[in-house]
């Protein structure tokens, strides 16, 4: 973000071409000195944020032993190490949220809203005394995350017609080319789904729709925008098209069982070790999973290696969890 916001000509073309040609993400200019940096793997920043959110709590300070006179630079380094060691989770939370915000992905923002909603409901039902403290923690993290982004794009100052707040507001309310293309995709996608609704049409099934994306308009004959693809941003409909109702039911049943076991273990008050050491981690994983399901509405992750990999890791964690509890 700093490279693009401050127009570092010596690095900007190479970085942009690398991101574009490797298809790892998208870089789009939002205003004169703010760029949207979206990389698919940023979803892990969102998942990490929710995994760490219940775990992060302030630890007691333990004063260090006084070793006599210490040079100022060494004393500063020691204090810095001590600060990072005591606030490592808080720092990770702040940087993770910053990465989610600069993605300017409304799918990620929807995942944030879903995760916060479930977390708030959990606190309301089971830990009402913690609500104000947790809200304050989230507000502080959000303010620091926005401050980090502001410093990156505004220091040193440059003339710009938009500020960060107005850009976020526009991104949240305006339907641009990508949103219009999603809407145009619905009808042909639905028509393809009803051909084989039970067992699906198989992986690699293509659908043709009309896109208003400028890149696709330039690449099609007569700028018609007619585009044929096998990857769709309506992720649940994509699953219906390829594996049908039967496949989607089995997949969602697996996800439901994972969430069910996690929730049962979160509320398990009989096992002292489980209650004291691990319930926050389980709650964080549960929130991360909910946010991933919300993101998947508009951005495919449940049928993407990034999302499938997360589900496999969590499945192993849940199996190990149950084995430990049963024994």
C-alpha atoms as a PDB file:
ATOM      1  CA  UNK A   1       0.000   0.000   0.000  1.00  0.00           C
ATOM      2  CA  UNK A   2       2.818   2.429   0.842  1.00  0.00           C
ATOM      3  CA  UNK A   3       4.564   1.753  -2.500  1.00  0.00           C
ATOM      4  CA  UNK A   4       1.437   2.547  -4.526  1.00  0.00           C
ATOM      5  CA  UNK A   5       0.113   5.386  -2.355  1.00  0.00           C
ATOM      6  CA  UNK A   6       3.402   7.275  -2.668  1.00  0.00           C
ATOM      7  CA  UNK A   7       4.061   6.350  -6.312  1.00  0.00           C
ATOM      8  CA  UNK A   8       7.472   4.706  -5.956  1.00  0.00           C
ATOM      9  CA  UNK A   9       8.207   4.497  -9.665  1.00  0.00           C
ATOM     10  CA  UNK A  10      11.264   2.290  -9.134  1.00  0.00           C
ATOM     11  CA  UNK A  11       9.100  -0.494  -7.637  1.00  0.00           C
ATOM     12  CA  UNK A  12       5.505   0.177  -8.659  1.00  0.00           C
ATOM     13  CA  UNK A  13       5.491  -1.383 -12.181  1.00  0.00           C
ATOM     14  CA  UNK A  14       7.268  -4.568 -11.091  1.00  0.00           C
ATOM     15  CA  UNK A  15       5.016  -5.128  -8.071  1.00  0.00           C
ATOM     16  CA  UNK A  16       1.849  -4.469 -10.071  1.00  0.00           C
ATOM     17  CA  UNK A  17       2.883  -6.755 -12.934  1.00  0.00           C
ATOM     18  CA  UNK A  18       3.830  -9.519 -10.505  1.00  0.00           C
ATOM     19  CA  UNK A  19       0.454  -9.343  -8.732  1.00  0.00           C
ATOM     20  CA  UNK A  20      -1.447  -9.154 -12.023  1.00  0.00           C
ATOM     21  CA  UNK A  21       0.440 -11.869 -13.911  1.00  0.00           C
ATOM     22  CA  UNK A  22       0.503 -14.361 -11.044  1.00  0.00           C
ATOM     23  CA  UNK A  23      -3.232 -13.729 -10.374  1.00  0.00           C
ATOM     24  CA  UNK A  24      -2.599 -13.674  -6.619  1.00  0.00           C
ATOM     25  CA  UNK A  25      -4.664 -10.530  -6.151  1.00  0.00           C
ATOM     26  CA  UNK A  26      -5.945  -7.220  -7.451  1.00  0.00           C
ATOM     27  CA  UNK A  27      -4.601  -3.677  -7.156  1.00  0.00           C
ATOM     28  CA  UNK A  28      -7.091  -0.929  -7.994  1.00  0.00           C
ATOM     29  CA  UNK A  29      -6.761   2.843  -7.656  1.00  0.00           C
ATOM     30  CA  UNK A  30      -9.580   4.206  -5.474  1.00  0.00           C
ATOM     31  CA  UNK A  31      -8.428   7.854  -5.480  1.00  0.00           C
ATOM     32  CA  UNK A  32      -5.320   9.865  -6.356  1.00  0.00           C
ATOM     33  CA  UNK A  33      -3.218   8.301  -3.607  1.00  0.00           C
ATOM     34  CA  UNK A  34      -5.213   5.358  -2.233  1.00  0.00           C
ATOM     35  CA  UNK A  35      -5.139   1.897  -3.750  1.00  0.00           C
ATOM     36  CA  UNK A  36      -7.253  -1.126  -2.978  1.00  0.00           C
ATOM     37  CA  UNK A  37      -4.936  -4.062  -2.273  1.00  0.00           C
ATOM     38  CA  UNK A  38      -6.849  -7.344  -2.448  1.00  0.00           C
ATOM     39  CA  UNK A  39      -5.044 -10.673  -2.215  1.00  0.00           C
ATOM     40  CA  UNK A  40      -7.010 -13.912  -1.857  1.00  0.00           C
ATOM     41  CA  UNK A  41      -4.920 -15.105   1.073  1.00  0.00           C
ATOM     42  CA  UNK A  42      -5.984 -11.994   3.041  1.00  0.00           C
ATOM     43  CA  UNK A  43      -8.890 -14.139   4.185  1.00  0.00           C
ATOM     44  CA  UNK A  44      -6.432 -15.649   6.667  1.00  0.00           C
ATOM     45  CA  UNK A  45      -6.014 -12.187   8.215  1.00  0.00           C
ATOM     46  CA  UNK A  46      -9.771 -12.178   8.802  1.00  0.00           C
ATOM     47  CA  UNK A  47      -9.705 -15.694  10.276  1.00  0.00           C
ATOM     48  CA  UNK A  48      -6.683 -14.869  12.452  1.00  0.00           C
ATOM     49  CA  UNK A  49      -8.445 -11.762  13.754  1.00  0.00           C
ATOM     50  CA  UNK A  50     -11.398 -13.755  15.077  1.00  0.00           C
ATOM     51  CA  UNK A  51      -9.264 -16.603  16.407  1.00  0.00           C
ATOM     52  CA  UNK A  52      -7.215 -14.113  18.436  1.00  0.00           C
ATOM     53  CA  UNK A  53     -10.097 -11.838  19.486  1.00  0.00           C
ATOM     54  CA  UNK A  54     -11.355 -13.912  22.472  1.00  0.00           C
ATOM     55  CA  UNK A  55      -7.802 -14.922  23.422  1.00  0.00           C
ATOM     56  CA  UNK A  56      -6.406 -11.398  23.643  1.00  0.00           C
ATOM     57  CA  UNK A  57      -6.589 -10.033  27.169  1.00  0.00           C
ATOM     58  CA  UNK A  58      -4.334  -7.777  29.171  1.00  0.00           C
ATOM     59  CA  UNK A  59      -1.730  -9.593  31.228  1.00  0.00           C
ATOM     60  CA  UNK A  60      -0.305  -8.344  34.491  1.00  0.00           C
ATOM     61  CA  UNK A  61       2.885  -6.344  34.276  1.00  0.00           C
ATOM     62  CA  UNK A  62       5.968  -7.797  35.913  1.00  0.00           C
ATOM     63  CA  UNK A  63       8.680  -5.207  36.553  1.00  0.00           C
ATOM     64  CA  UNK A  64      12.105  -6.190  35.307  1.00  0.00           C
ATOM     65  CA  UNK A  65      15.168  -6.401  37.515  1.00  0.00           C
ATOM     66  CA  UNK A  66      17.221  -3.235  37.664  1.00  0.00           C
ATOM     67  CA  UNK A  67      20.714  -3.977  36.362  1.00  0.00           C
ATOM     68  CA  UNK A  68      22.098  -0.529  37.074  1.00  0.00           C
ATOM     69  CA  UNK A  69      22.936   2.090  34.491  1.00  0.00           C
ATOM     70  CA  UNK A  70      22.012   0.940  30.971  1.00  0.00           C
ATOM     71  CA  UNK A  71      22.716   2.926  27.781  1.00  0.00           C
ATOM     72  CA  UNK A  72      19.605   4.683  26.504  1.00  0.00           C
ATOM     73  CA  UNK A  73      19.436   2.776  23.189  1.00  0.00           C
ATOM     74  CA  UNK A  74      19.742  -0.594  24.952  1.00  0.00           C
ATOM     75  CA  UNK A  75      17.144   0.392  27.521  1.00  0.00           C
ATOM     76  CA  UNK A  76      14.754   1.416  24.725  1.00  0.00           C
ATOM     77  CA  UNK A  77      15.336  -1.880  22.915  1.00  0.00           C
ATOM     78  CA  UNK A  78      14.624  -3.808  26.110  1.00  0.00           C
ATOM     79  CA  UNK A  79      11.434  -1.849  26.754  1.00  0.00           C
ATOM     80  CA  UNK A  80      10.348  -2.399  23.154  1.00  0.00           C
ATOM     81  CA  UNK A  81      10.911  -6.158  23.414  1.00  0.00           C
ATOM     82  CA  UNK A  82       9.003  -6.201  26.693  1.00  0.00           C
ATOM     83  CA  UNK A  83       6.117  -4.249  25.154  1.00  0.00           C
ATOM     84  CA  UNK A  84       5.900  -6.546  22.123  1.00  0.00           C
ATOM     85  CA  UNK A  85       6.096  -9.669  24.300  1.00  0.00           C
ATOM     86  CA  UNK A  86       3.244  -8.441  26.512  1.00  0.00           C
ATOM     87  CA  UNK A  87       1.069  -7.178  23.651  1.00  0.00           C
ATOM     88  CA  UNK A  88       1.857  -9.616  20.840  1.00  0.00           C
ATOM     89  CA  UNK A  89      -1.754 -10.772  20.389  1.00  0.00           C
ATOM     90  CA  UNK A  90      -3.033  -7.186  20.468  1.00  0.00           C
ATOM     91  CA  UNK A  91      -0.498  -6.190  17.799  1.00  0.00           C
ATOM     92  CA  UNK A  92      -1.495  -9.160  15.629  1.00  0.00           C
ATOM     93  CA  UNK A  93      -5.169  -8.247  16.028  1.00  0.00           C
ATOM     94  CA  UNK A  94      -4.499  -4.677  14.932  1.00  0.00           C
ATOM     95  CA  UNK A  95      -2.398  -5.615  11.894  1.00  0.00           C
ATOM     96  CA  UNK A  96      -4.880  -8.335  10.876  1.00  0.00           C
ATOM     97  CA  UNK A  97      -7.785  -5.883  10.943  1.00  0.00           C
ATOM     98  CA  UNK A  98      -5.702  -3.363   8.977  1.00  0.00           C
ATOM     99  CA  UNK A  99      -5.128  -5.993   6.275  1.00  0.00           C
ATOM    100  CA  UNK A 100      -8.864  -6.703   6.111  1.00  0.00           C
ATOM    101  CA  UNK A 101      -9.735  -3.005   5.818  1.00  0.00           C
ATOM    102  CA  UNK A 102      -7.230  -2.207   3.045  1.00  0.00           C
ATOM    103  CA  UNK A 103      -8.574  -5.131   1.017  1.00  0.00           C
ATOM    104  CA  UNK A 104     -11.710  -2.986   0.540  1.00  0.00           C
ATOM    105  CA  UNK A 105     -13.531  -6.290   0.059  1.00  0.00           C
ATOM    106  CA  UNK A 106     -17.177  -6.032   1.007  1.00  0.00           C
ATOM    107  CA  UNK A 107     -17.196  -9.810   1.358  1.00  0.00           C
ATOM    108  CA  UNK A 108     -14.558  -9.522   4.095  1.00  0.00           C
ATOM    109  CA  UNK A 109     -16.515  -6.717   5.728  1.00  0.00           C
ATOM    110  CA  UNK A 110     -19.593  -8.962   5.692  1.00  0.00           C
ATOM    111  CA  UNK A 111     -17.480 -11.643   7.375  1.00  0.00           C
ATOM    112  CA  UNK A 112     -16.442  -9.101  10.012  1.00  0.00           C
ATOM    113  CA  UNK A 113     -20.070  -8.176  10.648  1.00  0.00           C
ATOM    114  CA  UNK A 114     -21.113 -11.833  10.956  1.00  0.00           C
ATOM    115  CA  UNK A 115     -18.275 -12.641  13.353  1.00  0.00           C
ATOM    116  CA  UNK A 116     -18.951  -9.578  15.516  1.00  0.00           C
ATOM    117  CA  UNK A 117     -22.652 -10.421  15.573  1.00  0.00           C
ATOM    118  CA  UNK A 118     -22.087 -13.965  16.850  1.00  0.00           C
ATOM    119  CA  UNK A 119     -19.471 -12.764  19.355  1.00  0.00           C
ATOM    120  CA  UNK A 120     -21.867 -10.129  20.674  1.00  0.00           C
ATOM    121  CA  UNK A 121     -24.632 -12.717  20.997  1.00  0.00           C
ATOM    122  CA  UNK A 122     -22.296 -15.058  22.899  1.00  0.00           C
ATOM    123  CA  UNK A 123     -21.276 -12.291  25.299  1.00  0.00           C
ATOM    124  CA  UNK A 124     -24.895 -11.257  25.799  1.00  0.00           C
ATOM    125  CA  UNK A 125     -25.982 -14.803  26.659  1.00  0.00           C
ATOM    126  CA  UNK A 126     -23.003 -16.113  28.614  1.00  0.00           C
ATOM    127  CA  UNK A 127     -20.646 -13.286  29.653  1.00  0.00           C
ATOM    128  CA  UNK A 128     -22.633 -10.095  30.140  1.00  0.00           C
ATOM    129  CA  UNK A 129     -20.080  -8.686  32.554  1.00  0.00           C
ATOM    130  CA  UNK A 130     -17.486  -8.698  29.750  1.00  0.00           C
ATOM    131  CA  UNK A 131     -19.565  -6.866  27.126  1.00  0.00           C
ATOM    132  CA  UNK A 132     -18.349  -3.307  27.770  1.00  0.00           C
ATOM    133  CA  UNK A 133     -14.741  -4.427  28.139  1.00  0.00           C
ATOM    134  CA  UNK A 134     -14.851  -6.370  24.871  1.00  0.00           C
ATOM    135  CA  UNK A 135     -16.567  -3.531  23.005  1.00  0.00           C
ATOM    136  CA  UNK A 136     -13.891  -1.125  24.237  1.00  0.00           C
ATOM    137  CA  UNK A 137     -11.179  -3.546  23.110  1.00  0.00           C
ATOM    138  CA  UNK A 138     -12.697  -3.827  19.621  1.00  0.00           C
ATOM    139  CA  UNK A 139     -13.097  -0.037  19.321  1.00  0.00           C
ATOM    140  CA  UNK A 140      -9.456   0.544  20.321  1.00  0.00           C
ATOM    141  CA  UNK A 141      -8.268  -2.067  17.818  1.00  0.00           C
ATOM    142  CA  UNK A 142     -10.397  -0.540  15.046  1.00  0.00           C
ATOM    143  CA  UNK A 143      -9.137   2.991  15.763  1.00  0.00           C
ATOM    144  CA  UNK A 144      -5.509   1.838  15.784  1.00  0.00           C
ATOM    145  CA  UNK A 145      -6.024  -0.111  12.544  1.00  0.00           C
ATOM    146  CA  UNK A 146      -7.478   2.933  10.795  1.00  0.00           C
ATOM    147  CA  UNK A 147      -4.658   5.067  12.213  1.00  0.00           C
ATOM    148  CA  UNK A 148      -2.062   2.690  10.764  1.00  0.00           C
ATOM    149  CA  UNK A 149      -3.691   2.893   7.323  1.00  0.00           C
ATOM    150  CA  UNK A 150      -3.951   6.690   7.560  1.00  0.00           C
ATOM    151  CA  UNK A 151      -0.263   7.009   8.434  1.00  0.00           C
ATOM    152  CA  UNK A 152       0.697   4.750   5.517  1.00  0.00           C
ATOM    153  CA  UNK A 153      -1.225   6.726   2.908  1.00  0.00           C
ATOM    154  CA  UNK A 154      -0.861  10.244   4.370  1.00  0.00           C
ATOM    155  CA  UNK A 155       2.742  10.409   5.583  1.00  0.00           C
ATOM    156  CA  UNK A 156       4.360  12.357   4.056  1.00  0.00           C
ATOM    157  CA  UNK A 157       1.234  14.378   3.148  1.00  0.00           C
ATOM    158  CA  UNK A 158      -0.079  14.440  -0.420  1.00  0.00           C
ATOM    159  CA  UNK A 159      -2.937  16.328  -2.021  1.00  0.00           C
ATOM    160  CA  UNK A 160      -6.006  14.122  -2.390  1.00  0.00           C
ATOM    161  CA  UNK A 161      -9.682  14.704  -3.059  1.00  0.00           C
ATOM    162  CA  UNK A 162     -10.863  11.874  -0.830  1.00  0.00           C
ATOM    163  CA  UNK A 163     -10.166  10.853   2.716  1.00  0.00           C
ATOM    164  CA  UNK A 164     -10.197   7.326   4.108  1.00  0.00           C
ATOM    165  CA  UNK A 165     -13.656   7.710   5.626  1.00  0.00           C
ATOM    166  CA  UNK A 166     -15.261   8.827   2.363  1.00  0.00           C
ATOM    167  CA  UNK A 167     -13.580   5.984   0.468  1.00  0.00           C
ATOM    168  CA  UNK A 168     -14.925   3.385   2.909  1.00  0.00           C
ATOM    169  CA  UNK A 169     -18.396   4.943   2.682  1.00  0.00           C
ATOM    170  CA  UNK A 170     -18.344   4.866  -1.126  1.00  0.00           C
ATOM    171  CA  UNK A 171     -17.071   1.294  -1.188  1.00  0.00           C
ATOM    172  CA  UNK A 172     -19.857   0.169   1.142  1.00  0.00           C
ATOM    173  CA  UNK A 173     -22.700   1.805  -0.826  1.00  0.00           C
ATOM    174  CA  UNK A 174     -21.783   2.009  -4.516  1.00  0.00           C
ATOM    175  CA  UNK A 175     -22.402  -0.916  -6.875  1.00  0.00           C
ATOM    176  CA  UNK A 176     -19.538  -0.828  -9.362  1.00  0.00           C
ATOM    177  CA  UNK A 177     -18.590  -3.124 -12.250  1.00  0.00           C
ATOM    178  CA  UNK A 178     -17.908  -6.159 -10.077  1.00  0.00           C
ATOM    179  CA  UNK A 179     -21.289  -5.879  -8.348  1.00  0.00           C
ATOM    180  CA  UNK A 180     -23.128  -5.456 -11.644  1.00  0.00           C
ATOM    181  CA  UNK A 181     -21.340  -8.475 -13.080  1.00  0.00           C
ATOM    182  CA  UNK A 182     -22.434 -10.564 -10.083  1.00  0.00           C
ATOM    183  CA  UNK A 183     -26.058  -9.586 -10.720  1.00  0.00           C
ATOM    184  CA  UNK A 184     -25.750 -10.370 -14.441  1.00  0.00           C
ATOM    185  CA  UNK A 185     -24.340 -13.785 -13.536  1.00  0.00           C
ATOM    186  CA  UNK A 186     -27.391 -14.871 -11.519  1.00  0.00           C
ATOM    187  CA  UNK A 187     -29.836 -15.743 -14.313  1.00  0.00           C
ATOM    188  CA  UNK A 188     -27.512 -17.858 -16.524  1.00  0.00           C
ATOM    189  CA  UNK A 189     -26.105 -19.544 -13.411  1.00  0.00           C
ATOM    190  CA  UNK A 190     -29.600 -20.475 -12.192  1.00  0.00           C
ATOM    191  CA  UNK A 191     -30.523 -21.801 -15.641  1.00  0.00           C
ATOM    192  CA  UNK A 192     -27.465 -24.068 -15.606  1.00  0.00           C
ATOM    193  CA  UNK A 193     -28.172 -25.312 -12.066  1.00  0.00           C
ATOM    194  CA  UNK A 194     -31.691 -26.556 -12.885  1.00  0.00           C
ATOM    195  CA  UNK A 195     -30.336 -28.830 -15.637  1.00  0.00           C
ATOM    196  CA  UNK A 196     -28.863 -31.219 -13.037  1.00  0.00           C
ATOM    197  CA  UNK A 197     -30.081 -29.983  -9.642  1.00  0.00           C
ATOM    198  CA  UNK A 198     -29.615 -33.209  -7.666  1.00  0.00           C
ATOM    199  CA  UNK A 199     -26.132 -34.452  -8.543  1.00  0.00           C
ATOM    200  CA  UNK A 200     -24.752 -31.350 -10.245  1.00  0.00           C
ATOM    201  CA  UNK A 201     -23.039 -30.862 -13.585  1.00  0.00           C
ATOM    202  CA  UNK A 202     -19.514 -31.605 -12.370  1.00  0.00           C
ATOM    203  CA  UNK A 203     -16.379 -29.565 -11.833  1.00  0.00           C
ATOM    204  CA  UNK A 204     -15.288 -27.565 -14.852  1.00  0.00           C
ATOM    205  CA  UNK A 205     -18.856 -26.740 -15.920  1.00  0.00           C
ATOM    206  CA  UNK A 206     -18.889 -23.377 -17.686  1.00  0.00           C
ATOM    207  CA  UNK A 207     -21.495 -20.635 -17.869  1.00  0.00           C
ATOM    208  CA  UNK A 208     -21.606 -17.633 -20.197  1.00  0.00           C
ATOM    209  CA  UNK A 209     -22.783 -14.276 -18.899  1.00  0.00           C
ATOM    210  CA  UNK A 210     -22.429 -10.596 -19.780  1.00  0.00           C
ATOM    211  CA  UNK A 211     -19.828  -8.749 -17.751  1.00  0.00           C
ATOM    212  CA  UNK A 212     -19.379  -4.996 -17.421  1.00  0.00           C
ATOM    213  CA  UNK A 213     -15.825  -5.352 -16.114  1.00  0.00           C
ATOM    214  CA  UNK A 214     -13.649  -3.017 -18.208  1.00  0.00           C
ATOM    215  CA  UNK A 215     -10.885  -5.622 -18.500  1.00  0.00           C
ATOM    216  CA  UNK A 216     -13.291  -8.196 -19.941  1.00  0.00           C
ATOM    217  CA  UNK A 217     -14.996  -5.657 -22.191  1.00  0.00           C
ATOM    218  CA  UNK A 218     -11.617  -4.826 -23.722  1.00  0.00           C
ATOM    219  CA  UNK A 219     -10.810  -8.518 -24.231  1.00  0.00           C
ATOM    220  CA  UNK A 220     -14.080  -9.527 -25.967  1.00  0.00           C
ATOM    221  CA  UNK A 221     -14.990  -9.021 -29.608  1.00  0.00           C
ATOM    222  CA  UNK A 222     -16.815  -5.758 -30.150  1.00  0.00           C
ATOM    223  CA  UNK A 223     -16.594  -5.061 -26.426  1.00  0.00           C
ATOM    224  CA  UNK A 224     -19.651  -7.287 -25.983  1.00  0.00           C
ATOM    225  CA  UNK A 225     -18.625  -8.446 -22.522  1.00  0.00           C
ATOM    226  CA  UNK A 226     -19.794 -12.013 -23.229  1.00  0.00           C
ATOM    227  CA  UNK A 227     -17.627 -14.081 -20.905  1.00  0.00           C
ATOM    228  CA  UNK A 228     -17.481 -17.838 -20.350  1.00  0.00           C
ATOM    229  CA  UNK A 229     -16.018 -19.135 -17.097  1.00  0.00           C
ATOM    230  CA  UNK A 230     -16.062 -22.075 -14.691  1.00  0.00           C
ATOM    231  CA  UNK A 231     -15.441 -19.935 -11.557  1.00  0.00           C
ATOM    232  CA  UNK A 232     -18.270 -17.907 -10.039  1.00  0.00           C
ATOM    233  CA  UNK A 233     -18.376 -15.390  -7.213  1.00  0.00           C
ATOM    234  CA  UNK A 234     -21.758 -16.671  -6.037  1.00  0.00           C
ATOM    235  CA  UNK A 235     -19.979 -19.424  -4.168  1.00  0.00           C
ATOM    236  CA  UNK A 236     -22.944 -21.405  -2.831  1.00  0.00           C
ATOM    237  CA  UNK A 237     -24.563 -21.370  -6.272  1.00  0.00           C
ATOM    238  CA  UNK A 238     -21.214 -22.472  -7.700  1.00  0.00           C
ATOM    239  CA  UNK A 239     -21.313 -25.498  -5.389  1.00  0.00           C
ATOM    240  CA  UNK A 240     -24.912 -26.248  -6.414  1.00  0.00           C
ATOM    241  CA  UNK A 241     -23.950 -26.139 -10.075  1.00  0.00           C
ATOM    242  CA  UNK A 242     -21.011 -28.500  -9.692  1.00  0.00           C
ATOM    243  CA  UNK A 243     -21.968 -30.987  -6.965  1.00  0.00           C
ATOM    244  CA  UNK A 244     -25.744 -30.535  -6.777  1.00  0.00           C
ATOM    245  CA  UNK A 245     -28.081 -30.635  -3.809  1.00  0.00           C
ATOM    246  CA  UNK A 246     -26.665 -33.947  -2.594  1.00  0.00           C
ATOM    247  CA  UNK A 247     -23.075 -32.704  -2.570  1.00  0.00           C
ATOM    248  CA  UNK A 248     -23.958 -29.370  -0.966  1.00  0.00           C
ATOM    249  CA  UNK A 249     -26.008 -31.143   1.727  1.00  0.00           C
ATOM    250  CA  UNK A 250     -23.095 -33.447   2.614  1.00  0.00           C
ATOM    251  CA  UNK A 251     -20.598 -30.560   2.615  1.00  0.00           C
ATOM    252  CA  UNK A 252     -22.783 -28.340   4.789  1.00  0.00           C
ATOM    253  CA  UNK A 253     -23.521 -31.289   7.095  1.00  0.00           C
ATOM    254  CA  UNK A 254     -19.773 -31.689   7.669  1.00  0.00           C
ATOM    255  CA  UNK A 255     -19.473 -27.976   8.453  1.00  0.00           C
ATOM    256  CA  UNK A 256     -22.487 -28.148  10.781  1.00  0.00           C
ATOM    257  CA  UNK A 257     -21.003 -31.090  12.719  1.00  0.00           C
ATOM    258  CA  UNK A 258     -17.697 -29.243  13.136  1.00  0.00           C
ATOM    259  CA  UNK A 259     -19.473 -26.128  14.429  1.00  0.00           C
ATOM    260  CA  UNK A 260     -21.705 -28.237  16.685  1.00  0.00           C
ATOM    261  CA  UNK A 261     -18.757 -29.978  18.340  1.00  0.00           C
ATOM    262  CA  UNK A 262     -16.899 -26.679  18.746  1.00  0.00           C
ATOM    263  CA  UNK A 263     -19.932 -25.052  20.363  1.00  0.00           C
ATOM    264  CA  UNK A 264     -20.483 -27.979  22.729  1.00  0.00           C
ATOM    265  CA  UNK A 265     -16.858 -27.811  23.819  1.00  0.00           C
ATOM    266  CA  UNK A 266     -17.070 -24.035  24.293  1.00  0.00           C
ATOM    267  CA  UNK A 267     -19.975 -24.498  26.700  1.00  0.00           C
ATOM    268  CA  UNK A 268     -18.494 -27.555  28.431  1.00  0.00           C
ATOM    269  CA  UNK A 269     -18.262 -26.571  32.109  1.00  0.00           C
ATOM    270  CA  UNK A 270     -17.486 -30.040  33.488  1.00  0.00           C
ATOM    271  CA  UNK A 271     -13.921 -30.353  32.248  1.00  0.00           C
ATOM    272  CA  UNK A 272     -11.763 -27.936  34.283  1.00  0.00           C
ATOM    273  CA  UNK A 273      -8.808 -28.057  31.867  1.00  0.00           C
ATOM    274  CA  UNK A 274     -11.073 -27.404  28.901  1.00  0.00           C
ATOM    275  CA  UNK A 275     -12.772 -24.470  30.634  1.00  0.00           C
ATOM    276  CA  UNK A 276      -9.598 -22.738  31.800  1.00  0.00           C
ATOM    277  CA  UNK A 277      -7.103 -23.283  28.997  1.00  0.00           C
ATOM    278  CA  UNK A 278      -8.918 -23.808  25.719  1.00  0.00           C
ATOM    279  CA  UNK A 279     -12.453 -22.435  25.532  1.00  0.00           C
ATOM    280  CA  UNK A 280     -11.271 -19.032  24.232  1.00  0.00           C
ATOM    281  CA  UNK A 281      -9.387 -20.721  21.405  1.00  0.00           C
ATOM    282  CA  UNK A 282     -12.447 -22.789  20.502  1.00  0.00           C
ATOM    283  CA  UNK A 283     -14.621 -19.682  20.554  1.00  0.00           C
ATOM    284  CA  UNK A 284     -12.165 -17.888  18.274  1.00  0.00           C
ATOM    285  CA  UNK A 285     -12.153 -20.786  15.797  1.00  0.00           C
ATOM    286  CA  UNK A 286     -15.959 -20.863  15.893  1.00  0.00           C
ATOM    287  CA  UNK A 287     -16.133 -17.127  15.102  1.00  0.00           C
ATOM    288  CA  UNK A 288     -13.568 -17.521  12.308  1.00  0.00           C
ATOM    289  CA  UNK A 289     -15.618 -20.340  10.780  1.00  0.00           C
ATOM    290  CA  UNK A 290     -18.801 -18.233  10.881  1.00  0.00           C
ATOM    291  CA  UNK A 291     -16.997 -15.330   9.196  1.00  0.00           C
ATOM    292  CA  UNK A 292     -15.710 -17.673   6.465  1.00  0.00           C
ATOM    293  CA  UNK A 293     -19.256 -18.911   5.782  1.00  0.00           C
ATOM    294  CA  UNK A 294     -20.411 -15.289   5.433  1.00  0.00           C
ATOM    295  CA  UNK A 295     -17.522 -14.343   3.131  1.00  0.00           C
ATOM    296  CA  UNK A 296     -18.328 -17.367   0.968  1.00  0.00           C
ATOM    297  CA  UNK A 297     -21.680 -15.838  -0.037  1.00  0.00           C
ATOM    298  CA  UNK A 298     -19.994 -13.489  -2.510  1.00  0.00           C
ATOM    299  CA  UNK A 299     -16.387 -14.720  -2.710  1.00  0.00           C
ATOM    300  CA  UNK A 300     -15.707 -18.456  -3.221  1.00  0.00           C
ATOM    301  CA  UNK A 301     -13.605 -19.982  -0.459  1.00  0.00           C
ATOM    302  CA  UNK A 302     -15.379 -23.220   0.510  1.00  0.00           C
ATOM    303  CA  UNK A 303     -14.431 -24.615  -2.907  1.00  0.00           C
ATOM    304  CA  UNK A 304     -11.008 -22.931  -2.927  1.00  0.00           C
ATOM    305  CA  UNK A 305      -7.779 -24.456  -1.538  1.00  0.00           C
ATOM    306  CA  UNK A 306      -7.547 -21.629   1.025  1.00  0.00           C
ATOM    307  CA  UNK A 307     -10.963 -22.389   2.476  1.00  0.00           C
ATOM    308  CA  UNK A 308     -10.713 -26.165   2.127  1.00  0.00           C
ATOM    309  CA  UNK A 309      -7.329 -26.081   3.849  1.00  0.00           C
ATOM    310  CA  UNK A 310      -8.805 -24.167   6.791  1.00  0.00           C
ATOM    311  CA  UNK A 311     -11.652 -26.686   7.104  1.00  0.00           C
ATOM    312  CA  UNK A 312      -9.207 -29.618   7.063  1.00  0.00           C
ATOM    313  CA  UNK A 313      -7.049 -28.051   9.779  1.00  0.00           C
ATOM    314  CA  UNK A 314     -10.087 -27.333  11.954  1.00  0.00           C
ATOM    315  CA  UNK A 315     -11.404 -30.871  11.379  1.00  0.00           C
ATOM    316  CA  UNK A 316      -8.144 -32.290  12.715  1.00  0.00           C
ATOM    317  CA  UNK A 317      -8.314 -29.928  15.692  1.00  0.00           C
ATOM    318  CA  UNK A 318     -11.889 -31.009  16.474  1.00  0.00           C
ATOM    319  CA  UNK A 319     -11.024 -34.721  16.213  1.00  0.00           C
ATOM    320  CA  UNK A 320      -8.074 -34.255  18.557  1.00  0.00           C
ATOM    321  CA  UNK A 321     -10.328 -32.254  20.873  1.00  0.00           C
ATOM    322  CA  UNK A 322     -12.888 -35.023  21.110  1.00  0.00           C
ATOM    323  CA  UNK A 323     -10.207 -37.654  21.640  1.00  0.00           C
ATOM    324  CA  UNK A 324      -8.758 -35.646  24.555  1.00  0.00           C
ATOM    325  CA  UNK A 325     -12.173 -35.163  26.149  1.00  0.00           C
ATOM    326  CA  UNK A 326     -13.187 -38.828  25.790  1.00  0.00           C
ATOM    327  CA  UNK A 327      -9.934 -40.004  27.330  1.00  0.00           C
END
